[in-house]
Amino acid sequence: MSTLTQEQPQSQEQAQTKTQQQVQQNSYFSFKEFVLLSWRFKWVIIIFTALFGAGSVYIALSIPNEYKAGVLLSPSDEQKGSGLAALANQFGSLASLAGINIGGKGGDKTNLALEIFRSKQFLMGFIERHKLLVPLMAGKNWDHTTNTLILNDNDYDSESKKWIRSAVYPKQVIPTYFEAYENFRKRLVFDRDAKSGTVFITFEFYSPYLAQQWITLLVKDLNSYMRDQQHHESARSIEYLTKQIENTQVAELRNVFYQLIQEQTKNAMLAEAREEFVFKTIDAAIVPERKSKPVRSVMVLIMTALGGLLSLFGVHIYQAVKNVTRN
């Protein structure tokens, strides 16, 4: 019995060893067959890879260059703090007894300005105000020799100055400002540094000159918009506070209202005098000299490698199908 029990493990080990050797041998022959078959159809693989490479070069060259212009901004000093915050801390409870909300935590309007920057109303108004609909929606390339934007003739007739593009609902022949906003918004990128508070804004377009002009105009228009908003708010606040002074006989409240009027008057004067009201330009946008995309070398390498792999696997699939049908 003991002899039989010893022989059984030995036979099992021998069987496992033999199986492993067969697997290694089969894998060796499989790899060998793979190499031999690839070598057999090497010209087919080379030709298909070359065709993919040539096609990738053609596609890469047909994609127009785009250029990215950027501007670095910092919140203006006036937006980092406000005299209204100090008045709110000092007289907030007293004013609340009279049903008046002085306001809260200062005049930091950076977050508000950034949200307005991204808003549909502001960007659609910007596109309409500066007449950017045609270059934004019909532009397709840039001629660097003449520094002119090339328009798509299938979308816009430059001679008659009419839109002729084919549009499928919900799009229309004449692009809407909302469609233009979506196109503009995807080219606009915001990056805010949480530590320093600086904001880096970039815009990407076919023409480097238009990219630089439009991003500069955007910052200028935003400061102008926020300055007008501040002016109107101050005017309404002064009017309201003046009426409150006439309606109250409490000396402490009248003193608070006079100080608030003084603060609002100062804000209105700063808004009128300061061109960079919300954002101060740290590093102005310049005309980019290098394209931001496309990265043609990477495109060609990826598509050529893909062509080589597809042709390689195609050859082996063809041979496998042929072997099956033969058997």
C-alpha atoms as a PDB file:
ATOM      1  CA  MET A   1       0.000   0.000   0.000  1.00  0.00           C
ATOM      2  CA  SER A   2       2.769   2.428   0.933  1.00  0.00           C
ATOM      3  CA  THR A   3       4.493   1.752  -2.371  1.00  0.00           C
ATOM      4  CA  LEU A   4       1.315   2.589  -4.288  1.00  0.00           C
ATOM      5  CA  THR A   5       0.757   5.812  -2.378  1.00  0.00           C
ATOM      6  CA  GLN A   6       4.325   6.965  -3.132  1.00  0.00           C
ATOM      7  CA  GLU A   7       4.032   6.187  -6.825  1.00  0.00           C
ATOM      8  CA  GLN A   8       0.798   8.165  -7.244  1.00  0.00           C
ATOM      9  CA  PRO A   9       2.291  11.586  -6.242  1.00  0.00           C
ATOM     10  CA  GLN A  10       5.288  10.910  -8.451  1.00  0.00           C
ATOM     11  CA  SER A  11       3.076  10.166 -11.446  1.00  0.00           C
ATOM     12  CA  GLN A  12       1.042  13.336 -10.790  1.00  0.00           C
ATOM     13  CA  GLU A  13       4.197  15.448 -10.631  1.00  0.00           C
ATOM     14  CA  GLN A  14       5.445  13.929 -13.863  1.00  0.00           C
ATOM     15  CA  ALA A  15       2.123  14.656 -15.545  1.00  0.00           C
ATOM     16  CA  GLN A  16       2.176  18.280 -14.381  1.00  0.00           C
ATOM     17  CA  THR A  17       5.773  18.698 -15.563  1.00  0.00           C
ATOM     18  CA  LYS A  18       4.898  17.210 -18.946  1.00  0.00           C
ATOM     19  CA  THR A  19       1.887  19.521 -19.275  1.00  0.00           C
ATOM     20  CA  GLN A  20       3.981  22.589 -18.480  1.00  0.00           C
ATOM     21  CA  GLN A  21       6.550  21.567 -21.058  1.00  0.00           C
ATOM     22  CA  GLN A  22       3.834  21.118 -23.675  1.00  0.00           C
ATOM     23  CA  VAL A  23       2.406  24.575 -22.871  1.00  0.00           C
ATOM     24  CA  GLN A  24       5.845  26.160 -23.171  1.00  0.00           C
ATOM     25  CA  GLN A  25       6.479  24.317 -26.409  1.00  0.00           C
ATOM     26  CA  ASN A  26       3.103  25.347 -27.829  1.00  0.00           C
ATOM     27  CA  SER A  27       3.662  28.968 -26.836  1.00  0.00           C
ATOM     28  CA  TYR A  28       7.090  28.811 -28.417  1.00  0.00           C
ATOM     29  CA  PHE A  29       5.668  27.462 -31.652  1.00  0.00           C
ATOM     30  CA  SER A  30       2.803  29.983 -31.507  1.00  0.00           C
ATOM     31  CA  PHE A  31       5.227  32.876 -31.192  1.00  0.00           C
ATOM     32  CA  LYS A  32       7.425  31.392 -33.870  1.00  0.00           C
ATOM     33  CA  GLU A  33       4.454  31.000 -36.195  1.00  0.00           C
ATOM     34  CA  PHE A  34       3.422  34.574 -35.421  1.00  0.00           C
ATOM     35  CA  VAL A  35       6.838  35.898 -36.406  1.00  0.00           C
ATOM     36  CA  LEU A  36       7.045  33.724 -39.521  1.00  0.00           C
ATOM     37  CA  LEU A  37       3.579  34.710 -40.680  1.00  0.00           C
ATOM     38  CA  SER A  38       4.315  38.379 -40.073  1.00  0.00           C
ATOM     39  CA  TRP A  39       7.501  38.060 -42.076  1.00  0.00           C
ATOM     40  CA  ARG A  40       5.630  36.254 -44.828  1.00  0.00           C
ATOM     41  CA  PHE A  41       3.187  39.144 -45.205  1.00  0.00           C
ATOM     42  CA  LYS A  42       5.718  41.851 -44.395  1.00  0.00           C
ATOM     43  CA  TRP A  43       5.060  43.827 -47.557  1.00  0.00           C
ATOM     44  CA  VAL A  44       1.349  43.877 -46.925  1.00  0.00           C
ATOM     45  CA  ILE A  45       1.979  45.162 -43.401  1.00  0.00           C
ATOM     46  CA  ILE A  46       4.519  47.723 -44.606  1.00  0.00           C
ATOM     47  CA  ILE A  47       2.236  49.013 -47.374  1.00  0.00           C
ATOM     48  CA  PHE A  48      -0.785  49.358 -45.088  1.00  0.00           C
ATOM     49  CA  THR A  49       1.313  51.052 -42.412  1.00  0.00           C
ATOM     50  CA  ALA A  50       2.725  53.451 -44.998  1.00  0.00           C
ATOM     51  CA  LEU A  51      -0.787  54.224 -46.252  1.00  0.00           C
ATOM     52  CA  PHE A  52      -1.949  54.967 -42.720  1.00  0.00           C
ATOM     53  CA  GLY A  53       1.144  57.128 -42.211  1.00  0.00           C
ATOM     54  CA  ALA A  54       0.501  59.083 -45.415  1.00  0.00           C
ATOM     55  CA  GLY A  55      -3.165  59.488 -44.526  1.00  0.00           C
ATOM     56  CA  SER A  56      -2.287  60.706 -41.036  1.00  0.00           C
ATOM     57  CA  VAL A  57       0.095  63.286 -42.502  1.00  0.00           C
ATOM     58  CA  TYR A  58      -2.640  64.529 -44.851  1.00  0.00           C
ATOM     59  CA  ILE A  59      -5.193  64.736 -42.025  1.00  0.00           C
ATOM     60  CA  ALA A  60      -2.726  66.448 -39.689  1.00  0.00           C
ATOM     61  CA  LEU A  61      -1.812  69.042 -42.317  1.00  0.00           C
ATOM     62  CA  SER A  62      -5.483  69.713 -43.140  1.00  0.00           C
ATOM     63  CA  ILE A  63      -6.250  70.697 -39.528  1.00  0.00           C
ATOM     64  CA  PRO A  64      -5.710  74.465 -39.136  1.00  0.00           C
ATOM     65  CA  ASN A  65      -3.401  75.895 -36.511  1.00  0.00           C
ATOM     66  CA  GLU A  66      -4.851  77.555 -33.444  1.00  0.00           C
ATOM     67  CA  TYR A  67      -3.115  80.056 -31.183  1.00  0.00           C
ATOM     68  CA  LYS A  68      -3.666  80.716 -27.500  1.00  0.00           C
ATOM     69  CA  ALA A  69      -3.384  84.205 -25.996  1.00  0.00           C
ATOM     70  CA  GLY A  70      -3.401  84.645 -22.226  1.00  0.00           C
ATOM     71  CA  VAL A  71      -3.637  87.466 -19.693  1.00  0.00           C
ATOM     72  CA  LEU A  72      -2.721  87.387 -16.002  1.00  0.00           C
ATOM     73  CA  LEU A  73      -4.997  89.402 -13.719  1.00  0.00           C
ATOM     74  CA  SER A  74      -5.049  90.338 -10.062  1.00  0.00           C
ATOM     75  CA  PRO A  75      -8.006  91.663  -8.055  1.00  0.00           C
ATOM     76  CA  SER A  76      -7.809  95.426  -7.651  1.00  0.00           C
ATOM     77  CA  ASP A  77      -6.940  96.709  -4.177  1.00  0.00           C
ATOM     78  CA  GLU A  78     -10.351  98.284  -3.796  1.00  0.00           C
ATOM     79  CA  GLN A  79     -11.985  94.867  -4.164  1.00  0.00           C
ATOM     80  CA  LYS A  80     -10.038  93.282  -1.316  1.00  0.00           C
ATOM     81  CA  GLY A  81     -11.657  95.354   1.348  1.00  0.00           C
ATOM     82  CA  SER A  82     -14.190  98.096   1.842  1.00  0.00           C
ATOM     83  CA  GLY A  83     -15.123 100.737   4.346  1.00  0.00           C
ATOM     84  CA  LEU A  84     -18.618  99.256   4.325  1.00  0.00           C
ATOM     85  CA  ALA A  85     -17.274  96.201   6.113  1.00  0.00           C
ATOM     86  CA  ALA A  86     -15.967  98.308   8.977  1.00  0.00           C
ATOM     87  CA  LEU A  87     -19.271 100.191   9.192  1.00  0.00           C
ATOM     88  CA  ALA A  88     -21.178  96.917   9.182  1.00  0.00           C
ATOM     89  CA  ASN A  89     -19.138  95.647  12.117  1.00  0.00           C
ATOM     90  CA  GLN A  90     -19.548  98.902  14.027  1.00  0.00           C
ATOM     91  CA  PHE A  91     -23.161  99.865  13.329  1.00  0.00           C
ATOM     92  CA  GLY A  92     -24.722  96.750  11.802  1.00  0.00           C
ATOM     93  CA  SER A  93     -26.880  95.854  14.814  1.00  0.00           C
ATOM     94  CA  LEU A  94     -28.038  99.440  15.241  1.00  0.00           C
ATOM     95  CA  ALA A  95     -29.033  99.778  11.584  1.00  0.00           C
ATOM     96  CA  SER A  96     -30.841  96.443  11.640  1.00  0.00           C
ATOM     97  CA  LEU A  97     -33.175  97.817  14.319  1.00  0.00           C
ATOM     98  CA  ALA A  98     -34.301 100.343  11.746  1.00  0.00           C
ATOM     99  CA  GLY A  99     -34.797  97.598   9.160  1.00  0.00           C
ATOM    100  CA  ILE A 100     -31.704  98.485   7.120  1.00  0.00           C
ATOM    101  CA  ASN A 101     -29.097  96.007   5.947  1.00  0.00           C
ATOM    102  CA  ILE A 102     -25.720  97.717   5.717  1.00  0.00           C
ATOM    103  CA  GLY A 103     -24.156  94.756   3.990  1.00  0.00           C
ATOM    104  CA  GLY A 104     -21.649  92.383   5.013  1.00  0.00           C
ATOM    105  CA  LYS A 105     -18.236  91.242   4.466  1.00  0.00           C
ATOM    106  CA  GLY A 106     -16.618  93.844   2.365  1.00  0.00           C
ATOM    107  CA  GLY A 107     -16.348  94.619  -1.268  1.00  0.00           C
ATOM    108  CA  ASP A 108     -14.561  91.591  -2.685  1.00  0.00           C
ATOM    109  CA  LYS A 109     -16.316  91.235  -6.029  1.00  0.00           C
ATOM    110  CA  THR A 110     -13.773  88.950  -7.664  1.00  0.00           C
ATOM    111  CA  ASN A 111     -15.962  85.851  -7.520  1.00  0.00           C
ATOM    112  CA  LEU A 112     -18.929  87.791  -8.827  1.00  0.00           C
ATOM    113  CA  ALA A 113     -16.829  89.214 -11.660  1.00  0.00           C
ATOM    114  CA  LEU A 114     -15.621  85.748 -12.678  1.00  0.00           C
ATOM    115  CA  GLU A 115     -19.161  84.401 -12.741  1.00  0.00           C
ATOM    116  CA  ILE A 116     -20.231  87.363 -14.901  1.00  0.00           C
ATOM    117  CA  PHE A 117     -17.225  86.667 -17.123  1.00  0.00           C
ATOM    118  CA  ARG A 118     -18.594  83.163 -17.783  1.00  0.00           C
ATOM    119  CA  SER A 119     -22.236  84.175 -18.047  1.00  0.00           C
ATOM    120  CA  LYS A 120     -24.294  83.896 -21.227  1.00  0.00           C
ATOM    121  CA  GLN A 121     -25.596  87.452 -20.915  1.00  0.00           C
ATOM    122  CA  PHE A 122     -22.148  89.037 -20.743  1.00  0.00           C
ATOM    123  CA  LEU A 123     -20.498  86.921 -23.459  1.00  0.00           C
ATOM    124  CA  MET A 124     -23.464  87.125 -25.838  1.00  0.00           C
ATOM    125  CA  GLY A 125     -23.493  90.901 -25.351  1.00  0.00           C
ATOM    126  CA  PHE A 126     -19.733  90.995 -25.945  1.00  0.00           C
ATOM    127  CA  ILE A 127     -20.083  89.084 -29.236  1.00  0.00           C
ATOM    128  CA  GLU A 128     -22.914  91.326 -30.404  1.00  0.00           C
ATOM    129  CA  ARG A 129     -21.288  94.561 -29.245  1.00  0.00           C
ATOM    130  CA  HIS A 130     -18.002  93.902 -31.068  1.00  0.00           C
ATOM    131  CA  LYS A 131     -19.612  92.210 -34.112  1.00  0.00           C
ATOM    132  CA  LEU A 132     -17.781  88.907 -33.703  1.00  0.00           C
ATOM    133  CA  LEU A 133     -20.495  86.626 -35.068  1.00  0.00           C
ATOM    134  CA  VAL A 134     -19.022  86.277 -38.567  1.00  0.00           C
ATOM    135  CA  PRO A 135     -15.330  85.787 -37.672  1.00  0.00           C
ATOM    136  CA  LEU A 136     -16.193  83.518 -34.746  1.00  0.00           C
ATOM    137  CA  MET A 137     -18.686  81.255 -36.520  1.00  0.00           C
ATOM    138  CA  ALA A 138     -17.398  81.365 -40.126  1.00  0.00           C
ATOM    139  CA  GLY A 139     -13.643  81.525 -39.540  1.00  0.00           C
ATOM    140  CA  LYS A 140     -11.754  78.371 -40.507  1.00  0.00           C
ATOM    141  CA  ASN A 141      -8.082  79.359 -40.903  1.00  0.00           C
ATOM    142  CA  TRP A 142      -5.588  82.226 -40.867  1.00  0.00           C
ATOM    143  CA  ASP A 143      -3.365  83.544 -43.639  1.00  0.00           C
ATOM    144  CA  HIS A 144      -0.164  84.645 -41.934  1.00  0.00           C
ATOM    145  CA  THR A 145       1.195  86.336 -45.051  1.00  0.00           C
ATOM    146  CA  THR A 146      -1.660  88.856 -45.200  1.00  0.00           C
ATOM    147  CA  ASN A 147      -2.755  88.547 -41.573  1.00  0.00           C
ATOM    148  CA  THR A 148      -6.338  87.866 -42.577  1.00  0.00           C
ATOM    149  CA  LEU A 149      -8.879  85.414 -41.251  1.00  0.00           C
ATOM    150  CA  ILE A 150     -10.035  82.914 -43.869  1.00  0.00           C
ATOM    151  CA  LEU A 151     -13.800  82.373 -43.826  1.00  0.00           C
ATOM    152  CA  ASN A 152     -15.621  79.202 -44.764  1.00  0.00           C
ATOM    153  CA  ASP A 153     -17.253  79.832 -48.141  1.00  0.00           C
ATOM    154  CA  ASN A 154     -19.797  77.102 -47.467  1.00  0.00           C
ATOM    155  CA  ASP A 155     -21.078  78.972 -44.423  1.00  0.00           C
ATOM    156  CA  TYR A 156     -20.748  82.649 -45.309  1.00  0.00           C
ATOM    157  CA  ASP A 157     -20.713  84.532 -48.616  1.00  0.00           C
ATOM    158  CA  SER A 158     -18.219  87.372 -48.201  1.00  0.00           C
ATOM    159  CA  GLU A 159     -19.378  89.196 -51.337  1.00  0.00           C
ATOM    160  CA  SER A 160     -23.062  89.380 -50.477  1.00  0.00           C
ATOM    161  CA  LYS A 161     -22.334  89.277 -46.745  1.00  0.00           C
ATOM    162  CA  LYS A 162     -24.975  86.639 -46.163  1.00  0.00           C
ATOM    163  CA  TRP A 163     -25.040  83.332 -44.316  1.00  0.00           C
ATOM    164  CA  ILE A 164     -25.510  80.368 -46.643  1.00  0.00           C
ATOM    165  CA  ARG A 165     -24.635  77.459 -44.369  1.00  0.00           C
ATOM    166  CA  SER A 166     -26.671  74.258 -44.226  1.00  0.00           C
ATOM    167  CA  ALA A 167     -28.245  73.966 -40.809  1.00  0.00           C
ATOM    168  CA  VAL A 168     -30.170  71.177 -39.117  1.00  0.00           C
ATOM    169  CA  TYR A 169     -32.666  72.027 -36.375  1.00  0.00           C
ATOM    170  CA  PRO A 170     -32.195  73.394 -33.739  1.00  0.00           C
ATOM    171  CA  LYS A 171     -29.444  75.288 -35.585  1.00  0.00           C
ATOM    172  CA  GLN A 172     -30.386  77.982 -38.065  1.00  0.00           C
ATOM    173  CA  VAL A 173     -28.836  79.314 -41.265  1.00  0.00           C
ATOM    174  CA  ILE A 174     -27.847  82.471 -39.395  1.00  0.00           C
ATOM    175  CA  PRO A 175     -26.088  81.407 -36.187  1.00  0.00           C
ATOM    176  CA  THR A 176     -27.783  82.560 -33.006  1.00  0.00           C
ATOM    177  CA  TYR A 177     -25.856  84.415 -30.345  1.00  0.00           C
ATOM    178  CA  PHE A 178     -26.374  81.471 -28.027  1.00  0.00           C
ATOM    179  CA  GLU A 179     -24.632  79.176 -30.533  1.00  0.00           C
ATOM    180  CA  ALA A 180     -21.862  81.745 -30.810  1.00  0.00           C
ATOM    181  CA  TYR A 181     -21.657  81.868 -27.004  1.00  0.00           C
ATOM    182  CA  GLU A 182     -21.152  78.083 -26.830  1.00  0.00           C
ATOM    183  CA  ASN A 183     -18.386  78.293 -29.445  1.00  0.00           C
ATOM    184  CA  PHE A 184     -16.734  81.222 -27.683  1.00  0.00           C
ATOM    185  CA  ARG A 185     -17.063  79.675 -24.220  1.00  0.00           C
ATOM    186  CA  LYS A 186     -15.290  76.443 -25.116  1.00  0.00           C
ATOM    187  CA  ARG A 187     -12.298  78.484 -26.327  1.00  0.00           C
ATOM    188  CA  LEU A 188     -12.150  80.483 -23.093  1.00  0.00           C
ATOM    189  CA  VAL A 189     -10.324  78.985 -20.083  1.00  0.00           C
ATOM    190  CA  PHE A 190     -10.054  80.352 -16.526  1.00  0.00           C
ATOM    191  CA  ASP A 191      -7.411  79.314 -14.024  1.00  0.00           C
ATOM    192  CA  ARG A 192      -7.470  80.918 -10.570  1.00  0.00           C
ATOM    193  CA  ASP A 193      -4.636  80.567  -8.055  1.00  0.00           C
ATOM    194  CA  ALA A 194      -6.219  80.007  -4.643  1.00  0.00           C
ATOM    195  CA  LYS A 195      -3.138  81.249  -2.761  1.00  0.00           C
ATOM    196  CA  SER A 196      -2.293  84.453  -4.613  1.00  0.00           C
ATOM    197  CA  GLY A 197      -5.783  85.171  -5.929  1.00  0.00           C
ATOM    198  CA  THR A 198      -4.474  85.831  -9.430  1.00  0.00           C
ATOM    199  CA  VAL A 199      -6.525  84.739 -12.428  1.00  0.00           C
ATOM    200  CA  PHE A 200      -5.035  83.492 -15.696  1.00  0.00           C
ATOM    201  CA  ILE A 201      -7.426  83.666 -18.653  1.00  0.00           C
ATOM    202  CA  THR A 202      -6.671  82.231 -22.083  1.00  0.00           C
ATOM    203  CA  PHE A 203      -8.475  82.321 -25.407  1.00  0.00           C
ATOM    204  CA  GLU A 204      -7.707  80.073 -28.378  1.00  0.00           C
ATOM    205  CA  PHE A 205      -8.454  80.923 -32.011  1.00  0.00           C
ATOM    206  CA  TYR A 206      -7.197  80.535 -35.569  1.00  0.00           C
ATOM    207  CA  SER A 207      -5.785  84.056 -35.741  1.00  0.00           C
ATOM    208  CA  PRO A 208      -3.227  84.916 -33.031  1.00  0.00           C
ATOM    209  CA  TYR A 209      -3.965  88.605 -33.511  1.00  0.00           C
ATOM    210  CA  LEU A 210      -7.695  88.169 -32.963  1.00  0.00           C
ATOM    211  CA  ALA A 211      -7.060  85.924 -29.956  1.00  0.00           C
ATOM    212  CA  GLN A 212      -4.957  88.672 -28.360  1.00  0.00           C
ATOM    213  CA  GLN A 213      -7.415  91.439 -29.275  1.00  0.00           C
ATOM    214  CA  TRP A 214     -10.482  89.596 -28.039  1.00  0.00           C
ATOM    215  CA  ILE A 215      -9.027  88.557 -24.682  1.00  0.00           C
ATOM    216  CA  THR A 216      -7.863  92.145 -24.104  1.00  0.00           C
ATOM    217  CA  LEU A 217     -11.306  93.502 -24.992  1.00  0.00           C
ATOM    218  CA  LEU A 218     -12.925  90.964 -22.680  1.00  0.00           C
ATOM    219  CA  VAL A 219     -11.004  92.192 -19.645  1.00  0.00           C
ATOM    220  CA  LYS A 220     -11.664  95.830 -20.568  1.00  0.00           C
ATOM    221  CA  ASP A 221     -15.391  95.206 -21.021  1.00  0.00           C
ATOM    222  CA  LEU A 222     -15.659  93.318 -17.743  1.00  0.00           C
ATOM    223  CA  ASN A 223     -14.033  96.151 -15.795  1.00  0.00           C
ATOM    224  CA  SER A 224     -16.323  98.632 -17.539  1.00  0.00           C
ATOM    225  CA  TYR A 225     -19.387  96.493 -16.790  1.00  0.00           C
ATOM    226  CA  MET A 226     -18.514  96.125 -13.106  1.00  0.00           C
ATOM    227  CA  ARG A 227     -17.678  99.843 -12.873  1.00  0.00           C
ATOM    228  CA  ASP A 228     -21.102 100.776 -14.261  1.00  0.00           C
ATOM    229  CA  GLN A 229     -22.768  98.340 -11.883  1.00  0.00           C
ATOM    230  CA  GLN A 230     -20.974  99.891  -8.921  1.00  0.00           C
ATOM    231  CA  HIS A 231     -21.930 103.387 -10.053  1.00  0.00           C
ATOM    232  CA  HIS A 232     -25.614 102.483 -10.325  1.00  0.00           C
ATOM    233  CA  GLU A 233     -25.601 100.667  -6.983  1.00  0.00           C
ATOM    234  CA  SER A 234     -23.964 103.612  -5.245  1.00  0.00           C
ATOM    235  CA  ALA A 235     -26.444 106.054  -6.783  1.00  0.00           C
ATOM    236  CA  ARG A 236     -29.425 103.961  -5.652  1.00  0.00           C
ATOM    237  CA  SER A 237     -27.929 103.497  -2.182  1.00  0.00           C
ATOM    238  CA  ILE A 238     -27.308 107.238  -1.755  1.00  0.00           C
ATOM    239  CA  GLU A 239     -30.864 107.996  -2.844  1.00  0.00           C
ATOM    240  CA  TYR A 240     -32.266 105.456  -0.411  1.00  0.00           C
ATOM    241  CA  LEU A 241     -30.091 106.596   2.509  1.00  0.00           C
ATOM    242  CA  THR A 242     -31.028 110.233   1.914  1.00  0.00           C
ATOM    243  CA  LYS A 243     -34.705 109.320   2.279  1.00  0.00           C
ATOM    244  CA  GLN A 244     -33.933 107.394   5.470  1.00  0.00           C
ATOM    245  CA  ILE A 245     -32.223 110.434   6.966  1.00  0.00           C
ATOM    246  CA  GLU A 246     -35.350 112.499   6.299  1.00  0.00           C
ATOM    247  CA  ASN A 247     -37.563 109.870   7.946  1.00  0.00           C
ATOM    248  CA  THR A 248     -35.631 109.297  11.175  1.00  0.00           C
ATOM    249  CA  GLN A 249     -34.950 111.532  14.162  1.00  0.00           C
ATOM    250  CA  VAL A 250     -32.533 109.147  15.937  1.00  0.00           C
ATOM    251  CA  ALA A 251     -29.154 110.853  16.054  1.00  0.00           C
ATOM    252  CA  GLU A 252     -27.170 107.595  16.056  1.00  0.00           C
ATOM    253  CA  LEU A 253     -28.941 106.299  12.961  1.00  0.00           C
ATOM    254  CA  ARG A 254     -28.579 109.602  11.147  1.00  0.00           C
ATOM    255  CA  ASN A 255     -24.841 109.458  11.894  1.00  0.00           C
ATOM    256  CA  VAL A 256     -24.678 105.921  10.449  1.00  0.00           C
ATOM    257  CA  PHE A 257     -26.548 106.992   7.318  1.00  0.00           C
ATOM    258  CA  TYR A 258     -24.241 109.964   6.757  1.00  0.00           C
ATOM    259  CA  GLN A 259     -21.202 107.690   7.010  1.00  0.00           C
ATOM    260  CA  LEU A 260     -22.793 105.230   4.614  1.00  0.00           C
ATOM    261  CA  ILE A 261     -23.496 108.005   2.129  1.00  0.00           C
ATOM    262  CA  GLN A 262     -19.880 109.118   2.443  1.00  0.00           C
ATOM    263  CA  GLU A 263     -18.673 105.558   1.783  1.00  0.00           C
ATOM    264  CA  GLN A 264     -20.986 105.105  -1.199  1.00  0.00           C
ATOM    265  CA  THR A 265     -19.878 108.452  -2.619  1.00  0.00           C
ATOM    266  CA  LYS A 266     -16.269 107.324  -2.334  1.00  0.00           C
ATOM    267  CA  ASN A 267     -17.078 104.047  -4.117  1.00  0.00           C
ATOM    268  CA  ALA A 268     -18.802 105.947  -6.913  1.00  0.00           C
ATOM    269  CA  MET A 269     -15.806 108.258  -7.329  1.00  0.00           C
ATOM    270  CA  LEU A 270     -13.394 105.308  -7.414  1.00  0.00           C
ATOM    271  CA  ALA A 271     -15.567 103.580  -9.982  1.00  0.00           C
ATOM    272  CA  GLU A 272     -15.484 106.640 -12.212  1.00  0.00           C
ATOM    273  CA  ALA A 273     -11.763 107.261 -11.835  1.00  0.00           C
ATOM    274  CA  ARG A 274     -10.363 103.726 -11.971  1.00  0.00           C
ATOM    275  CA  GLU A 275     -10.266 102.046 -15.380  1.00  0.00           C
ATOM    276  CA  GLU A 276      -9.181  98.672 -13.993  1.00  0.00           C
ATOM    277  CA  PHE A 277     -11.972  98.560 -11.467  1.00  0.00           C
ATOM    278  CA  VAL A 278     -12.171  94.841 -10.621  1.00  0.00           C
ATOM    279  CA  PHE A 279      -9.105  93.284 -12.238  1.00  0.00           C
ATOM    280  CA  LYS A 280      -5.664  94.788 -12.605  1.00  0.00           C
ATOM    281  CA  THR A 281      -3.588  93.488 -15.505  1.00  0.00           C
ATOM    282  CA  ILE A 282      -0.325  91.951 -14.265  1.00  0.00           C
ATOM    283  CA  ASP A 283       0.829  90.415 -17.535  1.00  0.00           C
ATOM    284  CA  ALA A 284      -0.974  91.732 -20.618  1.00  0.00           C
ATOM    285  CA  ALA A 285      -1.879  89.446 -23.505  1.00  0.00           C
ATOM    286  CA  ILE A 286       0.543  89.424 -26.421  1.00  0.00           C
ATOM    287  CA  VAL A 287       0.189  87.996 -29.914  1.00  0.00           C
ATOM    288  CA  PRO A 288       1.286  84.340 -29.633  1.00  0.00           C
ATOM    289  CA  GLU A 289       3.997  83.307 -32.051  1.00  0.00           C
ATOM    290  CA  ARG A 290       3.680  79.547 -31.587  1.00  0.00           C
ATOM    291  CA  LYS A 291       0.602  77.473 -32.245  1.00  0.00           C
ATOM    292  CA  SER A 292      -1.079  75.717 -29.356  1.00  0.00           C
ATOM    293  CA  LYS A 293      -2.563  72.941 -31.480  1.00  0.00           C
ATOM    294  CA  PRO A 294      -2.666  70.615 -33.292  1.00  0.00           C
ATOM    295  CA  VAL A 295       0.366  68.557 -32.236  1.00  0.00           C
ATOM    296  CA  ARG A 296       0.870  66.975 -35.632  1.00  0.00           C
ATOM    297  CA  SER A 297       3.870  64.801 -34.789  1.00  0.00           C
ATOM    298  CA  VAL A 298       1.935  62.983 -32.070  1.00  0.00           C
ATOM    299  CA  MET A 299      -1.077  62.567 -34.372  1.00  0.00           C
ATOM    300  CA  VAL A 300       1.071  61.049 -37.134  1.00  0.00           C
ATOM    301  CA  LEU A 301       2.881  58.690 -34.750  1.00  0.00           C
ATOM    302  CA  ILE A 302      -0.343  57.435 -33.157  1.00  0.00           C
ATOM    303  CA  MET A 303      -2.187  56.920 -36.450  1.00  0.00           C
ATOM    304  CA  THR A 304       0.809  55.252 -38.109  1.00  0.00           C
ATOM    305  CA  ALA A 305       1.263  52.883 -35.159  1.00  0.00           C
ATOM    306  CA  LEU A 306      -2.463  52.151 -35.229  1.00  0.00           C
ATOM    307  CA  GLY A 307      -2.233  51.343 -38.927  1.00  0.00           C
ATOM    308  CA  GLY A 308       0.674  48.987 -38.305  1.00  0.00           C
ATOM    309  CA  LEU A 309      -1.179  47.145 -35.538  1.00  0.00           C
ATOM    310  CA  LEU A 310      -4.392  46.862 -37.566  1.00  0.00           C
ATOM    311  CA  SER A 311      -2.547  45.497 -40.606  1.00  0.00           C
ATOM    312  CA  LEU A 312      -0.609  43.057 -38.418  1.00  0.00           C
ATOM    313  CA  PHE A 313      -3.700  41.670 -36.729  1.00  0.00           C
ATOM    314  CA  GLY A 314      -5.600  41.731 -40.026  1.00  0.00           C
ATOM    315  CA  VAL A 315      -3.012  39.461 -41.644  1.00  0.00           C
ATOM    316  CA  HIS A 316      -3.221  36.937 -38.802  1.00  0.00           C
ATOM    317  CA  ILE A 317      -7.025  36.991 -38.730  1.00  0.00           C
ATOM    318  CA  TYR A 318      -7.033  36.411 -42.484  1.00  0.00           C
ATOM    319  CA  GLN A 319      -4.675  33.433 -42.106  1.00  0.00           C
ATOM    320  CA  ALA A 320      -6.713  31.977 -39.229  1.00  0.00           C
ATOM    321  CA  VAL A 321      -9.955  32.198 -41.223  1.00  0.00           C
ATOM    322  CA  LYS A 322      -8.234  30.661 -44.210  1.00  0.00           C
ATOM    323  CA  ASN A 323      -6.987  27.715 -42.094  1.00  0.00           C
ATOM    324  CA  VAL A 324     -10.455  27.134 -40.653  1.00  0.00           C
ATOM    325  CA  THR A 325     -12.150  27.108 -44.062  1.00  0.00           C
ATOM    326  CA  ARG A 326      -9.467  24.757 -45.423  1.00  0.00           C
ATOM    327  CA  ASN A 327      -9.993  22.245 -42.621  1.00  0.00           C
END
